[in-house]
């Protein structure tokens, strides 16, 4: 499976990564922020993602999207890119695993795709509505099973917000002990090892961040 098919974001940086197979995984770094949206009855209804890409990847991604060679990025181009990205992310389950009371929850079609470029970095935003609202202790993980992409939670309290949550609800961040994977040279793993992975792989789980919301 080509490297670019692992990350269904149609950004130029993936082409650069695929052209340099000697690079160690991961190839892209994303800082995540999540908003968990609750209804008046206290049930969890949706997860709103905000993913900020690393500066190098962002710089490659916006090439050719400017209103002029030296001008700002074209908003219409960013909007189209956001729609394509979010549509393709469905194939990977949006890299998102949500459990409530220990049970995996299913999402409906993603909504509200948007993308901004500020301070040299791209941020992709979209909403994942739950197919059925549910109440209870929620556990949210965002990770790439193949570790082509490294996801990390925003620092401080910015990793999650709770919109409309019942009084007393609190979000706690659980960060992986392994902050980054060792270089393939240190483990004996080649790039071919990673290329053979699929969405069913479990390698990236060890680097998963988890947000737990208890009420």
N, C-alpha and C. Protein backbone atom coordinates (compact mmCIF):
# COMPACT_ATOMS: atom_id res chain seq x y z
N UNK A 1 0.85 -1.19 0.00
CA UNK A 1 0.00 0.00 0.00
C UNK A 1 0.88 1.24 0.00
N UNK A 2 0.69 2.16 -0.92
CA UNK A 2 1.51 3.36 -0.97
C UNK A 2 1.37 4.17 0.31
N UNK A 3 2.45 4.86 0.64
CA UNK A 3 2.43 5.66 1.86
C UNK A 3 1.32 6.69 1.83
N UNK A 4 1.09 7.29 0.68
CA UNK A 4 0.09 8.36 0.62
C UNK A 4 -1.31 7.85 0.88
N UNK A 5 -1.57 6.55 0.65
CA UNK A 5 -2.91 6.05 0.89
C UNK A 5 -3.17 5.82 2.36
N UNK A 6 -2.11 5.80 3.18
CA UNK A 6 -2.30 5.66 4.61
C UNK A 6 -2.87 6.92 5.20
N UNK A 7 -2.45 8.05 4.68
CA UNK A 7 -2.94 9.34 5.17
C UNK A 7 -3.83 9.93 4.11
N UNK A 8 -5.13 9.82 4.25
CA UNK A 8 -6.02 10.23 3.18
C UNK A 8 -6.24 11.73 3.14
N UNK A 9 -5.22 12.49 3.48
CA UNK A 9 -5.29 13.93 3.35
C UNK A 9 -4.59 14.30 2.06
N UNK A 10 -5.27 14.99 1.18
CA UNK A 10 -4.74 15.26 -0.15
C UNK A 10 -3.84 16.48 -0.10
N UNK A 11 -2.70 16.32 0.58
CA UNK A 11 -1.78 17.42 0.78
C UNK A 11 -0.44 17.08 0.16
N UNK A 12 0.25 18.11 -0.33
CA UNK A 12 1.50 17.88 -1.05
C UNK A 12 2.56 17.27 -0.17
N UNK A 13 2.52 17.48 1.12
CA UNK A 13 3.54 16.93 2.00
C UNK A 13 3.61 15.42 1.96
N UNK A 14 2.47 14.77 1.72
CA UNK A 14 2.47 13.32 1.64
C UNK A 14 3.28 12.84 0.45
N UNK A 15 3.23 13.61 -0.63
CA UNK A 15 4.01 13.24 -1.81
C UNK A 15 5.50 13.35 -1.52
N UNK A 16 5.88 14.35 -0.76
CA UNK A 16 7.28 14.49 -0.39
C UNK A 16 7.72 13.33 0.47
N UNK A 17 6.87 12.95 1.44
CA UNK A 17 7.21 11.85 2.33
C UNK A 17 7.36 10.55 1.55
N UNK A 18 6.46 10.33 0.61
CA UNK A 18 6.50 9.10 -0.16
C UNK A 18 7.72 9.03 -1.06
N UNK A 19 8.25 10.18 -1.41
CA UNK A 19 9.42 10.21 -2.30
C UNK A 19 10.72 10.04 -1.54
N UNK A 20 10.66 9.99 -0.21
CA UNK A 20 11.87 9.84 0.59
C UNK A 20 11.71 8.67 1.55
N UNK A 21 11.75 7.43 1.04
CA UNK A 21 11.46 6.26 1.86
C UNK A 21 12.45 6.01 2.97
N UNK A 22 13.59 6.70 2.97
CA UNK A 22 14.57 6.46 4.03
C UNK A 22 14.17 7.12 5.34
N UNK A 23 13.19 8.03 5.29
CA UNK A 23 12.78 8.71 6.50
C UNK A 23 12.13 7.75 7.47
N UNK A 24 12.39 7.96 8.75
CA UNK A 24 11.75 7.15 9.77
C UNK A 24 10.32 7.62 10.00
N UNK A 25 9.49 6.69 10.43
CA UNK A 25 8.13 7.09 10.81
C UNK A 25 8.19 7.84 12.14
N UNK A 26 7.26 8.72 12.38
CA UNK A 26 6.18 9.17 11.50
C UNK A 26 6.66 10.20 10.48
N UNK A 27 5.79 10.53 9.54
CA UNK A 27 6.10 11.52 8.51
C UNK A 27 5.37 12.84 8.74
N UNK A 28 4.29 12.79 9.49
CA UNK A 28 3.48 13.98 9.73
C UNK A 28 3.15 14.04 11.22
N UNK A 29 3.16 15.25 11.76
CA UNK A 29 2.83 15.45 13.18
C UNK A 29 1.60 16.35 13.27
N UNK A 30 0.65 15.94 14.08
CA UNK A 30 -0.60 16.68 14.24
C UNK A 30 -0.89 16.87 15.73
N UNK A 31 -1.18 18.11 16.10
CA UNK A 31 -1.61 18.43 17.46
C UNK A 31 -3.12 18.52 17.46
N UNK A 32 -3.76 17.79 18.38
CA UNK A 32 -5.21 17.69 18.37
C UNK A 32 -5.85 18.43 19.54
N UNK A 33 -7.01 18.96 19.25
CA UNK A 33 -7.91 19.54 20.27
C UNK A 33 -9.30 19.00 19.97
N UNK A 34 -10.02 18.65 21.00
CA UNK A 34 -11.36 18.09 20.80
C UNK A 34 -12.38 18.83 21.65
N UNK A 35 -13.54 19.02 21.08
CA UNK A 35 -14.68 19.54 21.84
C UNK A 35 -15.75 18.47 21.85
N UNK A 36 -16.15 18.05 23.03
CA UNK A 36 -17.21 17.07 23.17
C UNK A 36 -18.51 17.81 23.43
N UNK A 37 -19.49 17.57 22.56
CA UNK A 37 -20.74 18.32 22.58
C UNK A 37 -21.85 17.49 23.23
N UNK A 38 -22.45 18.05 24.28
CA UNK A 38 -23.50 17.37 25.02
C UNK A 38 -24.85 18.06 24.79
N UNK A 39 -25.91 17.25 24.81
CA UNK A 39 -27.25 17.79 24.66
C UNK A 39 -27.83 18.19 26.00
N UNK A 40 -29.02 18.82 25.99
CA UNK A 40 -29.68 19.26 27.23
C UNK A 40 -29.97 18.10 28.19
N UNK A 41 -30.09 16.88 27.64
CA UNK A 41 -30.38 15.72 28.49
C UNK A 41 -29.12 15.07 29.05
N UNK A 42 -27.95 15.69 28.78
CA UNK A 42 -26.70 15.17 29.32
C UNK A 42 -26.06 14.08 28.49
N UNK A 43 -26.58 13.79 27.32
CA UNK A 43 -25.97 12.77 26.47
C UNK A 43 -24.93 13.39 25.55
N UNK A 44 -23.91 12.61 25.24
CA UNK A 44 -22.87 13.04 24.31
C UNK A 44 -23.40 12.89 22.90
N UNK A 45 -23.33 13.99 22.13
CA UNK A 45 -23.92 13.99 20.79
C UNK A 45 -22.90 14.03 19.66
N UNK A 46 -21.75 14.64 19.90
CA UNK A 46 -20.78 14.81 18.81
C UNK A 46 -19.40 15.11 19.36
N UNK A 47 -18.41 14.89 18.50
CA UNK A 47 -17.02 15.27 18.78
C UNK A 47 -16.58 16.23 17.69
N UNK A 48 -16.09 17.39 18.09
CA UNK A 48 -15.57 18.35 17.13
C UNK A 48 -14.04 18.36 17.22
N UNK A 49 -13.42 18.04 16.09
CA UNK A 49 -11.96 17.96 16.04
C UNK A 49 -11.35 19.25 15.51
N UNK A 50 -10.16 19.58 16.02
CA UNK A 50 -9.31 20.62 15.45
C UNK A 50 -7.90 20.06 15.42
N UNK A 51 -7.38 19.81 14.22
CA UNK A 51 -6.07 19.19 14.04
C UNK A 51 -5.11 20.20 13.40
N UNK A 52 -4.03 20.49 14.09
CA UNK A 52 -3.04 21.44 13.58
C UNK A 52 -1.80 20.69 13.13
N UNK A 53 -1.42 20.89 11.85
CA UNK A 53 -0.31 20.17 11.25
C UNK A 53 1.02 20.87 11.53
N UNK A 54 2.09 20.09 11.53
CA UNK A 54 3.41 20.65 11.79
C UNK A 54 3.80 21.65 10.69
N UNK A 55 4.68 22.61 11.00
CA UNK A 55 5.00 23.68 10.03
C UNK A 55 5.55 23.17 8.71
N UNK A 56 6.41 22.16 8.73
CA UNK A 56 7.00 21.67 7.48
C UNK A 56 5.94 21.09 6.57
N UNK A 57 5.09 20.23 7.12
CA UNK A 57 4.02 19.63 6.34
C UNK A 57 3.06 20.71 5.83
N UNK A 58 2.75 21.67 6.70
CA UNK A 58 1.84 22.75 6.31
C UNK A 58 2.40 23.55 5.14
N UNK A 59 3.70 23.83 5.17
CA UNK A 59 4.31 24.62 4.11
C UNK A 59 4.21 23.91 2.77
N UNK A 60 4.44 22.60 2.74
CA UNK A 60 4.30 21.84 1.50
C UNK A 60 2.84 21.82 1.04
N UNK A 61 1.94 21.70 2.01
CA UNK A 61 0.53 21.51 1.67
C UNK A 61 -0.08 22.73 0.99
N UNK A 62 0.36 23.92 1.35
CA UNK A 62 -0.28 25.12 0.81
C UNK A 62 0.40 25.61 -0.47
N UNK A 63 1.43 24.92 -0.93
CA UNK A 63 2.05 25.33 -2.19
C UNK A 63 1.03 25.27 -3.31
N UNK A 64 0.93 26.34 -4.05
CA UNK A 64 0.00 26.40 -5.16
C UNK A 64 -1.41 26.79 -4.78
N UNK A 65 -1.65 27.04 -3.49
CA UNK A 65 -3.00 27.42 -3.05
C UNK A 65 -3.14 28.92 -2.81
N UNK A 66 -2.09 29.69 -3.11
CA UNK A 66 -2.14 31.12 -2.85
C UNK A 66 -2.92 31.87 -3.91
N UNK A 67 -3.39 33.03 -3.52
CA UNK A 67 -4.08 33.89 -4.47
C UNK A 67 -3.08 34.51 -5.45
N UNK A 68 -1.81 34.52 -5.02
CA UNK A 68 -0.70 34.93 -5.87
C UNK A 68 0.54 34.25 -5.29
N UNK A 69 1.68 34.24 -6.03
CA UNK A 69 2.88 33.57 -5.50
C UNK A 69 3.30 34.06 -4.13
N UNK A 70 3.02 35.31 -3.81
CA UNK A 70 3.43 35.85 -2.51
C UNK A 70 2.25 36.24 -1.63
N UNK A 71 1.04 36.00 -2.11
CA UNK A 71 -0.14 36.41 -1.38
C UNK A 71 -0.63 35.37 -0.40
N UNK A 72 -1.72 35.66 0.32
CA UNK A 72 -2.27 34.72 1.29
C UNK A 72 -2.89 33.51 0.61
N UNK A 73 -3.09 32.46 1.39
CA UNK A 73 -3.71 31.25 0.86
C UNK A 73 -5.17 31.55 0.51
N UNK A 74 -5.59 31.03 -0.63
CA UNK A 74 -6.94 31.26 -1.12
C UNK A 74 -7.96 30.55 -0.23
N UNK A 75 -8.89 31.28 0.39
CA UNK A 75 -9.88 30.64 1.27
C UNK A 75 -10.72 29.59 0.56
N UNK A 76 -11.06 29.85 -0.71
CA UNK A 76 -11.86 28.88 -1.45
C UNK A 76 -11.11 27.58 -1.66
N UNK A 77 -9.79 27.69 -1.90
CA UNK A 77 -8.97 26.49 -2.07
C UNK A 77 -8.88 25.71 -0.76
N UNK A 78 -8.76 26.42 0.35
CA UNK A 78 -8.71 25.75 1.64
C UNK A 78 -10.03 25.05 1.94
N UNK A 79 -11.14 25.69 1.59
CA UNK A 79 -12.45 25.09 1.84
C UNK A 79 -12.62 23.80 1.04
N UNK A 80 -12.19 23.83 -0.22
CA UNK A 80 -12.28 22.64 -1.05
C UNK A 80 -11.38 21.54 -0.52
N UNK A 81 -10.18 21.92 -0.07
CA UNK A 81 -9.24 20.94 0.48
C UNK A 81 -9.81 20.30 1.73
N UNK A 82 -10.45 21.10 2.58
CA UNK A 82 -11.05 20.56 3.80
C UNK A 82 -12.14 19.55 3.47
N UNK A 83 -12.97 19.86 2.50
CA UNK A 83 -14.04 18.92 2.12
C UNK A 83 -13.47 17.61 1.62
N UNK A 84 -12.45 17.68 0.77
CA UNK A 84 -11.84 16.47 0.23
C UNK A 84 -11.18 15.66 1.35
N UNK A 85 -10.46 16.36 2.22
CA UNK A 85 -9.75 15.67 3.30
C UNK A 85 -10.71 14.91 4.20
N UNK A 86 -11.75 15.58 4.65
CA UNK A 86 -12.68 14.96 5.59
C UNK A 86 -13.44 13.82 4.92
N UNK A 87 -13.78 14.00 3.64
CA UNK A 87 -14.44 12.92 2.92
C UNK A 87 -13.59 11.67 2.85
N UNK A 88 -12.30 11.84 2.60
CA UNK A 88 -11.40 10.69 2.50
C UNK A 88 -11.06 10.08 3.85
N UNK A 89 -11.12 10.88 4.90
CA UNK A 89 -10.82 10.36 6.23
C UNK A 89 -11.82 9.30 6.68
N UNK A 90 -12.99 9.29 6.09
CA UNK A 90 -14.00 8.30 6.47
C UNK A 90 -13.48 6.88 6.27
N UNK A 91 -12.63 6.69 5.26
CA UNK A 91 -12.08 5.37 4.99
C UNK A 91 -11.22 4.87 6.14
N UNK A 92 -10.68 5.78 6.93
CA UNK A 92 -9.82 5.42 8.05
C UNK A 92 -10.54 5.57 9.40
N UNK A 93 -11.86 5.71 9.36
CA UNK A 93 -12.59 5.89 10.60
C UNK A 93 -12.24 7.18 11.30
N UNK A 94 -11.76 8.16 10.51
CA UNK A 94 -11.36 9.48 11.01
C UNK A 94 -10.25 9.37 12.07
N UNK A 95 -9.54 8.24 12.07
CA UNK A 95 -8.48 8.01 13.06
C UNK A 95 -9.01 8.19 14.49
N UNK A 96 -10.29 7.99 14.68
CA UNK A 96 -10.93 8.31 15.96
C UNK A 96 -11.63 7.09 16.53
N UNK A 97 -11.35 6.82 17.80
CA UNK A 97 -12.02 5.74 18.52
C UNK A 97 -12.69 6.33 19.76
N UNK A 98 -14.00 6.20 19.84
CA UNK A 98 -14.76 6.69 20.99
C UNK A 98 -15.47 5.53 21.65
N UNK A 99 -15.26 5.42 22.96
CA UNK A 99 -15.99 4.42 23.75
C UNK A 99 -16.73 5.15 24.87
N UNK A 100 -17.93 4.71 25.14
CA UNK A 100 -18.71 5.23 26.26
C UNK A 100 -19.14 4.04 27.10
N UNK A 101 -18.77 4.09 28.38
CA UNK A 101 -19.00 2.95 29.28
C UNK A 101 -18.39 1.67 28.72
N UNK A 102 -17.25 1.84 28.05
CA UNK A 102 -16.52 0.69 27.52
C UNK A 102 -17.00 0.18 26.19
N UNK A 103 -18.04 0.76 25.62
CA UNK A 103 -18.58 0.29 24.34
C UNK A 103 -18.22 1.26 23.22
N UNK A 104 -17.72 0.70 22.12
CA UNK A 104 -17.36 1.50 20.96
C UNK A 104 -18.60 2.17 20.38
N UNK A 105 -18.46 3.45 20.05
CA UNK A 105 -19.56 4.21 19.47
C UNK A 105 -19.34 4.44 17.98
N UNK A 106 -20.42 4.47 17.24
CA UNK A 106 -20.35 4.70 15.80
C UNK A 106 -20.69 6.16 15.49
N UNK A 107 -20.00 6.67 14.47
CA UNK A 107 -20.23 8.03 14.03
C UNK A 107 -21.05 8.06 12.75
N UNK A 108 -21.78 9.15 12.58
CA UNK A 108 -22.42 9.40 11.31
C UNK A 108 -21.46 10.10 10.37
N UNK A 109 -21.97 10.64 9.30
CA UNK A 109 -21.13 11.33 8.32
C UNK A 109 -20.57 12.62 8.91
N UNK A 110 -19.28 12.83 8.73
CA UNK A 110 -18.64 14.05 9.25
C UNK A 110 -19.27 15.29 8.64
N UNK A 111 -19.28 16.36 9.43
CA UNK A 111 -19.90 17.62 8.99
C UNK A 111 -18.98 18.79 9.29
N UNK A 112 -19.34 19.93 8.74
CA UNK A 112 -18.68 21.21 9.01
C UNK A 112 -17.17 21.20 8.73
N UNK A 113 -16.72 20.64 7.60
CA UNK A 113 -15.28 20.67 7.32
C UNK A 113 -14.80 22.10 7.07
N UNK A 114 -13.66 22.43 7.63
CA UNK A 114 -13.08 23.76 7.44
C UNK A 114 -11.58 23.67 7.64
N UNK A 115 -10.86 24.56 6.99
CA UNK A 115 -9.41 24.57 7.12
C UNK A 115 -8.92 26.01 7.13
N UNK A 116 -7.97 26.29 8.03
CA UNK A 116 -7.37 27.62 8.11
C UNK A 116 -5.86 27.48 8.07
N UNK A 117 -5.21 28.57 7.67
CA UNK A 117 -3.75 28.62 7.65
C UNK A 117 -3.33 29.89 8.36
N UNK A 118 -2.66 29.72 9.51
CA UNK A 118 -2.26 30.87 10.31
C UNK A 118 -0.94 30.56 11.01
N UNK A 119 -0.08 31.55 11.08
CA UNK A 119 1.22 31.41 11.74
C UNK A 119 2.01 30.22 11.19
N UNK A 120 1.86 30.01 9.88
CA UNK A 120 2.64 28.97 9.22
C UNK A 120 2.14 27.56 9.40
N UNK A 121 0.93 27.38 9.95
CA UNK A 121 0.40 26.04 10.17
C UNK A 121 -1.05 25.92 9.72
N UNK A 122 -1.34 24.74 9.16
CA UNK A 122 -2.70 24.41 8.76
C UNK A 122 -3.46 23.80 9.93
N UNK A 123 -4.73 24.15 10.04
CA UNK A 123 -5.60 23.51 11.02
C UNK A 123 -6.86 23.03 10.30
N UNK A 124 -7.17 21.76 10.46
CA UNK A 124 -8.36 21.15 9.89
C UNK A 124 -9.39 20.95 10.99
N UNK A 125 -10.61 21.39 10.75
CA UNK A 125 -11.70 21.24 11.72
C UNK A 125 -12.86 20.48 11.07
N UNK A 126 -13.48 19.61 11.86
CA UNK A 126 -14.68 18.91 11.40
C UNK A 126 -15.41 18.33 12.60
N UNK A 127 -16.68 17.98 12.38
CA UNK A 127 -17.54 17.46 13.44
C UNK A 127 -17.92 16.02 13.14
N UNK A 128 -17.86 15.18 14.16
CA UNK A 128 -18.29 13.79 14.05
C UNK A 128 -19.52 13.58 14.93
N UNK A 129 -20.71 13.52 14.33
CA UNK A 129 -21.91 13.28 15.13
C UNK A 129 -22.03 11.80 15.48
N UNK A 130 -22.42 11.50 16.70
CA UNK A 130 -22.68 10.12 17.06
C UNK A 130 -23.97 9.66 16.40
N UNK A 131 -24.01 8.40 15.98
CA UNK A 131 -25.25 7.88 15.39
C UNK A 131 -26.37 7.84 16.41
N UNK A 132 -25.99 7.62 17.68
CA UNK A 132 -26.98 7.61 18.75
C UNK A 132 -26.37 8.28 19.96
N UNK A 133 -26.96 9.38 20.45
CA UNK A 133 -26.44 10.03 21.66
C UNK A 133 -26.39 9.05 22.82
N UNK A 134 -25.41 9.23 23.70
CA UNK A 134 -25.22 8.27 24.79
C UNK A 134 -24.66 8.98 26.00
N UNK A 135 -24.98 8.48 27.17
CA UNK A 135 -24.49 9.06 28.42
C UNK A 135 -23.56 8.08 29.11
N UNK A 136 -22.59 8.63 29.85
CA UNK A 136 -21.68 7.78 30.59
C UNK A 136 -20.25 8.27 30.49
N UNK A 137 -19.32 7.48 31.00
CA UNK A 137 -17.91 7.81 30.94
C UNK A 137 -17.39 7.61 29.53
N UNK A 138 -16.82 8.66 28.96
CA UNK A 138 -16.36 8.62 27.58
C UNK A 138 -14.85 8.53 27.51
N UNK A 139 -14.36 7.75 26.56
CA UNK A 139 -12.93 7.62 26.30
C UNK A 139 -12.70 7.88 24.82
N UNK A 140 -11.93 8.93 24.51
CA UNK A 140 -11.69 9.34 23.13
C UNK A 140 -10.22 9.18 22.79
N UNK A 141 -9.93 8.42 21.74
CA UNK A 141 -8.55 8.24 21.26
C UNK A 141 -8.47 8.67 19.81
N UNK A 142 -7.37 9.33 19.45
CA UNK A 142 -7.09 9.72 18.08
C UNK A 142 -5.68 9.24 17.74
N UNK A 143 -5.58 8.31 16.80
CA UNK A 143 -4.26 7.79 16.44
C UNK A 143 -4.31 7.11 15.08
N UNK A 144 -3.15 6.98 14.47
CA UNK A 144 -3.00 6.29 13.19
C UNK A 144 -2.42 4.91 13.47
N UNK A 145 -3.14 3.82 13.18
CA UNK A 145 -2.64 2.48 13.46
C UNK A 145 -1.29 2.18 12.80
N UNK A 146 -1.02 2.82 11.66
CA UNK A 146 0.23 2.57 10.94
C UNK A 146 1.34 3.52 11.34
N UNK A 147 1.04 4.51 12.15
CA UNK A 147 1.99 5.51 12.64
C UNK A 147 2.65 6.31 11.53
N UNK A 148 1.96 6.43 10.39
CA UNK A 148 2.41 7.38 9.38
C UNK A 148 2.26 8.80 9.93
N UNK A 149 1.19 8.98 10.70
CA UNK A 149 0.91 10.26 11.34
C UNK A 149 1.06 10.11 12.84
N UNK A 150 1.73 11.06 13.47
CA UNK A 150 1.86 11.09 14.92
C UNK A 150 0.90 12.14 15.47
N UNK A 151 -0.09 11.70 16.22
CA UNK A 151 -1.04 12.60 16.86
C UNK A 151 -0.61 12.86 18.30
N UNK A 152 -0.73 14.10 18.74
CA UNK A 152 -0.46 14.42 20.13
C UNK A 152 -1.49 15.43 20.62
N UNK A 153 -1.79 15.38 21.92
CA UNK A 153 -2.75 16.30 22.50
C UNK A 153 -2.12 17.67 22.70
N UNK A 154 -2.93 18.71 22.56
CA UNK A 154 -2.46 20.06 22.84
C UNK A 154 -2.03 20.15 24.30
N UNK A 155 -1.09 21.04 24.57
CA UNK A 155 -0.56 21.20 25.92
C UNK A 155 -1.60 21.83 26.85
N UNK A 156 -1.34 21.70 28.14
CA UNK A 156 -2.19 22.34 29.13
C UNK A 156 -3.61 21.83 29.09
N UNK A 157 -4.55 22.73 29.35
CA UNK A 157 -5.97 22.35 29.35
C UNK A 157 -6.61 22.47 27.98
N UNK A 158 -5.81 22.82 26.96
CA UNK A 158 -6.36 23.04 25.64
C UNK A 158 -6.69 21.78 24.87
N UNK A 159 -6.40 20.61 25.43
CA UNK A 159 -6.61 19.37 24.69
C UNK A 159 -8.09 19.05 24.49
N UNK A 160 -8.96 19.55 25.39
CA UNK A 160 -10.37 19.23 25.27
C UNK A 160 -11.22 20.28 25.96
N UNK A 161 -12.40 20.51 25.39
CA UNK A 161 -13.42 21.32 26.04
C UNK A 161 -14.72 20.53 26.03
N UNK A 162 -15.56 20.82 27.02
CA UNK A 162 -16.84 20.13 27.15
C UNK A 162 -17.95 21.15 26.97
N UNK A 163 -18.70 21.01 25.88
CA UNK A 163 -19.77 21.95 25.56
C UNK A 163 -21.10 21.41 26.03
N UNK A 164 -21.72 22.11 26.99
CA UNK A 164 -23.02 21.70 27.47
C UNK A 164 -23.03 20.48 28.36
N UNK A 165 -21.86 20.09 28.85
CA UNK A 165 -21.77 18.88 29.68
C UNK A 165 -22.44 19.10 31.03
N UNK A 166 -22.97 18.04 31.63
CA UNK A 166 -23.56 18.16 32.96
C UNK A 166 -22.54 18.67 33.97
N UNK A 167 -23.03 19.32 35.01
CA UNK A 167 -22.16 19.83 36.05
C UNK A 167 -21.35 18.69 36.67
N UNK A 168 -20.09 18.96 36.92
CA UNK A 168 -19.23 17.95 37.53
C UNK A 168 -18.45 17.12 36.54
N UNK A 169 -18.74 17.22 35.26
CA UNK A 169 -17.97 16.47 34.26
C UNK A 169 -16.56 17.04 34.16
N UNK A 170 -15.60 16.18 33.96
CA UNK A 170 -14.21 16.60 33.89
C UNK A 170 -13.46 15.77 32.86
N UNK A 171 -12.65 16.44 32.05
CA UNK A 171 -11.82 15.77 31.04
C UNK A 171 -10.40 15.62 31.55
N UNK A 172 -9.85 14.42 31.39
CA UNK A 172 -8.48 14.12 31.82
C UNK A 172 -7.69 13.58 30.64
N UNK A 173 -6.46 14.07 30.47
CA UNK A 173 -5.60 13.61 29.38
C UNK A 173 -4.71 12.47 29.86
N UNK A 174 -4.63 11.43 29.07
CA UNK A 174 -3.73 10.30 29.31
C UNK A 174 -2.78 10.23 28.12
N UNK A 175 -1.54 10.62 28.34
CA UNK A 175 -0.56 10.67 27.26
C UNK A 175 0.28 9.40 27.27
N UNK A 176 0.70 8.92 26.08
CA UNK A 176 1.47 7.67 26.03
C UNK A 176 2.83 7.81 26.67
N UNK A 177 3.31 6.72 27.27
CA UNK A 177 4.66 6.71 27.85
C UNK A 177 5.69 6.86 26.74
N UNK A 178 5.40 6.24 25.59
CA UNK A 178 6.30 6.36 24.43
C UNK A 178 5.87 7.58 23.64
N UNK A 179 6.52 8.71 23.88
CA UNK A 179 6.14 9.95 23.19
C UNK A 179 6.41 9.88 21.71
N UNK A 180 7.41 9.10 21.31
CA UNK A 180 7.75 8.98 19.89
C UNK A 180 8.34 7.61 19.64
N UNK A 181 8.14 7.12 18.44
CA UNK A 181 8.69 5.82 18.09
C UNK A 181 10.19 5.90 17.87
N UNK A 182 10.95 4.85 18.24
CA UNK A 182 12.38 4.85 17.94
C UNK A 182 12.60 4.76 16.44
N UNK A 183 13.73 5.26 16.01
CA UNK A 183 14.06 5.19 14.59
C UNK A 183 14.16 3.74 14.15
N UNK A 184 13.74 3.42 12.92
CA UNK A 184 13.82 2.05 12.44
C UNK A 184 15.20 1.44 12.59
N UNK A 185 16.24 2.27 12.43
CA UNK A 185 17.60 1.74 12.55
C UNK A 185 17.86 1.18 13.94
N UNK A 186 17.17 1.73 14.95
CA UNK A 186 17.39 1.28 16.32
C UNK A 186 16.60 0.03 16.65
N UNK A 187 15.60 -0.28 15.84
CA UNK A 187 14.74 -1.42 16.12
C UNK A 187 14.89 -2.54 15.11
N UNK A 188 15.62 -2.28 14.04
CA UNK A 188 15.74 -3.26 12.99
C UNK A 188 14.58 -3.24 12.02
N UNK A 189 13.64 -2.29 12.18
CA UNK A 189 12.49 -2.20 11.30
C UNK A 189 12.80 -1.28 10.13
N UNK A 190 12.49 -1.75 8.94
CA UNK A 190 12.72 -0.95 7.75
C UNK A 190 11.45 -0.21 7.37
N UNK A 191 11.58 0.68 6.37
CA UNK A 191 10.39 1.36 5.88
C UNK A 191 9.40 0.37 5.29
N UNK A 192 9.92 -0.75 4.76
CA UNK A 192 9.04 -1.78 4.21
C UNK A 192 8.13 -2.35 5.30
N UNK A 193 8.65 -2.38 6.53
CA UNK A 193 7.84 -2.86 7.66
C UNK A 193 6.59 -2.01 7.81
N UNK A 194 6.76 -0.69 7.72
CA UNK A 194 5.63 0.21 7.87
C UNK A 194 4.73 0.18 6.63
N UNK A 195 5.32 0.03 5.45
CA UNK A 195 4.54 0.01 4.23
C UNK A 195 3.58 -1.17 4.19
N UNK A 196 3.95 -2.26 4.88
CA UNK A 196 3.11 -3.45 4.88
C UNK A 196 1.92 -3.34 5.82
N UNK A 197 1.89 -2.29 6.64
CA UNK A 197 0.79 -2.12 7.59
C UNK A 197 -0.49 -1.70 6.89
N UNK A 198 -1.60 -2.03 7.52
CA UNK A 198 -2.92 -1.61 7.05
C UNK A 198 -3.64 -0.92 8.22
N UNK A 199 -4.86 -0.49 7.95
CA UNK A 199 -5.65 0.15 9.00
C UNK A 199 -5.96 -0.80 10.14
N UNK A 200 -5.79 -2.12 9.91
CA UNK A 200 -6.03 -3.11 10.95
C UNK A 200 -4.81 -3.32 11.84
N UNK A 201 -3.71 -2.66 11.52
CA UNK A 201 -2.49 -2.82 12.31
C UNK A 201 -2.68 -2.26 13.71
N UNK A 202 -1.86 -2.73 14.63
CA UNK A 202 -1.95 -2.27 16.02
C UNK A 202 -0.70 -1.54 16.47
N UNK A 203 0.26 -1.35 15.57
CA UNK A 203 1.52 -0.73 15.97
C UNK A 203 1.30 0.66 16.58
N UNK A 204 0.45 1.47 15.95
CA UNK A 204 0.28 2.85 16.39
C UNK A 204 -0.47 3.00 17.70
N UNK A 205 -1.09 1.91 18.19
CA UNK A 205 -1.88 2.01 19.42
C UNK A 205 -1.01 2.44 20.60
N UNK A 206 0.24 1.99 20.61
CA UNK A 206 1.11 2.30 21.75
C UNK A 206 1.42 3.79 21.86
N UNK A 207 1.15 4.56 20.81
CA UNK A 207 1.39 6.00 20.83
C UNK A 207 0.10 6.80 20.92
N UNK A 208 -1.02 6.11 21.17
CA UNK A 208 -2.32 6.78 21.22
C UNK A 208 -2.47 7.63 22.47
N UNK A 209 -3.00 8.82 22.29
CA UNK A 209 -3.40 9.67 23.40
C UNK A 209 -4.87 9.39 23.70
N UNK A 210 -5.26 9.55 24.95
CA UNK A 210 -6.64 9.28 25.32
C UNK A 210 -7.19 10.39 26.20
N UNK A 211 -8.40 10.81 25.88
CA UNK A 211 -9.13 11.78 26.70
C UNK A 211 -10.27 11.02 27.38
N UNK A 212 -10.31 11.09 28.68
CA UNK A 212 -11.38 10.44 29.45
C UNK A 212 -12.24 11.52 30.09
N UNK A 213 -13.54 11.42 29.84
CA UNK A 213 -14.50 12.35 30.43
C UNK A 213 -15.38 11.59 31.40
N UNK A 214 -15.27 11.95 32.67
CA UNK A 214 -16.09 11.32 33.71
C UNK A 214 -17.03 12.37 34.28
N UNK A 215 -18.27 11.97 34.50
CA UNK A 215 -19.28 12.88 35.06
C UNK A 215 -19.83 12.34 36.39
